[in-house]
Amino acid sequence: MNVKTTSLRLPEAMAAELAAVARADGVTISEAVREAIEKHIAQRRTDPTFKKRLTRNLEEDRQVLEALAE
């Protein structure tokens, strides 16, 4: 698996809660964060409003790229 290292700034209280949850679940903090991100992305993929915004963004990006290519 290729990985990308990402820094994440969290309020101290949230970082402490994340560490406690990861410890209770028997996983690393990185794994707990990956699982949360996976769930978030899966939810977004089924959200019709998000899909509309994504489609709009794709169209805007396409227009900009086409203009740059001229």
Protein backbone atom coordinates (compact mmCIF):
# COMPACT_ATOMS: atom_id res chain seq x y z
CA MET A 1 0.00 0.00 0.00
CA ASN A 2 1.35 3.41 -0.94
CA VAL A 3 0.94 5.90 1.86
CA LYS A 4 1.04 9.65 2.16
CA THR A 5 2.05 11.19 5.44
CA THR A 6 -0.30 13.96 6.54
CA SER A 7 -0.10 16.26 9.52
CA LEU A 8 -3.28 16.80 11.46
CA ARG A 9 -3.79 19.61 13.95
CA LEU A 10 -6.33 18.79 16.62
CA PRO A 11 -7.43 20.61 19.74
CA GLU A 12 -5.80 18.97 22.76
CA ALA A 13 -9.11 17.66 24.10
CA MET A 14 -9.98 16.03 20.77
CA ALA A 15 -6.50 14.49 20.50
CA ALA A 16 -6.87 13.05 24.00
CA GLU A 17 -10.29 11.61 23.15
CA LEU A 18 -8.95 10.15 19.91
CA ALA A 19 -6.09 8.51 21.77
CA ALA A 20 -8.49 7.07 24.35
CA VAL A 21 -10.83 5.70 21.67
CA ALA A 22 -7.94 4.15 19.74
CA ARG A 23 -6.54 2.60 22.91
CA ALA A 24 -9.95 1.17 23.87
CA ASP A 25 -10.40 -0.22 20.36
CA GLY A 26 -6.91 -1.70 20.39
CA VAL A 27 -5.77 0.19 17.29
CA THR A 28 -3.24 2.89 16.58
CA ILE A 29 -4.30 6.50 16.37
CA SER A 30 -3.48 6.39 12.66
CA GLU A 31 -5.79 3.42 12.15
CA ALA A 32 -8.60 5.12 14.09
CA VAL A 33 -8.24 8.20 11.90
CA ARG A 34 -8.16 6.11 8.69
CA GLU A 35 -11.33 4.28 9.77
CA ALA A 36 -13.09 7.57 10.50
CA ILE A 37 -12.05 9.00 7.14
CA GLU A 38 -13.20 5.85 5.32
CA LYS A 39 -16.62 6.12 6.98
CA HIS A 40 -16.86 9.83 6.18
CA ILE A 41 -16.02 9.28 2.50
CA ALA A 42 -18.50 6.38 2.26
CA GLN A 43 -21.25 8.62 3.68
CA ARG A 44 -20.40 11.42 1.26
CA ARG A 45 -20.61 9.03 -1.71
CA THR A 46 -24.27 8.33 -0.88
CA ASP A 47 -25.22 11.99 -0.25
CA PRO A 48 -27.11 13.43 -3.26
CA THR A 49 -26.38 17.03 -2.26
CA PHE A 50 -22.66 16.29 -2.06
CA LYS A 51 -22.78 14.58 -5.46
CA LYS A 52 -24.38 17.67 -6.99
CA ARG A 53 -21.66 19.91 -5.55
CA LEU A 54 -18.99 17.51 -6.75
CA THR A 55 -20.44 17.47 -10.25
CA ARG A 56 -20.58 21.28 -10.28
CA ASN A 57 -16.93 21.45 -9.16
CA LEU A 58 -15.89 18.98 -11.85
CA GLU A 59 -17.61 21.09 -14.51
CA GLU A 60 -15.97 24.29 -13.24
CA ASP A 61 -12.57 22.59 -13.21
CA ARG A 62 -13.12 21.28 -16.73
CA GLN A 63 -13.93 24.77 -17.97
CA VAL A 64 -10.81 26.25 -16.37
CA LEU A 65 -8.58 23.50 -17.74
CA GLU A 66 -10.03 23.88 -21.22
CA ALA A 67 -9.43 27.64 -21.11
CA LEU A 68 -5.82 27.06 -20.04
CA ALA A 69 -5.30 24.60 -22.88
CA GLU A 70 -6.32 27.13 -25.53
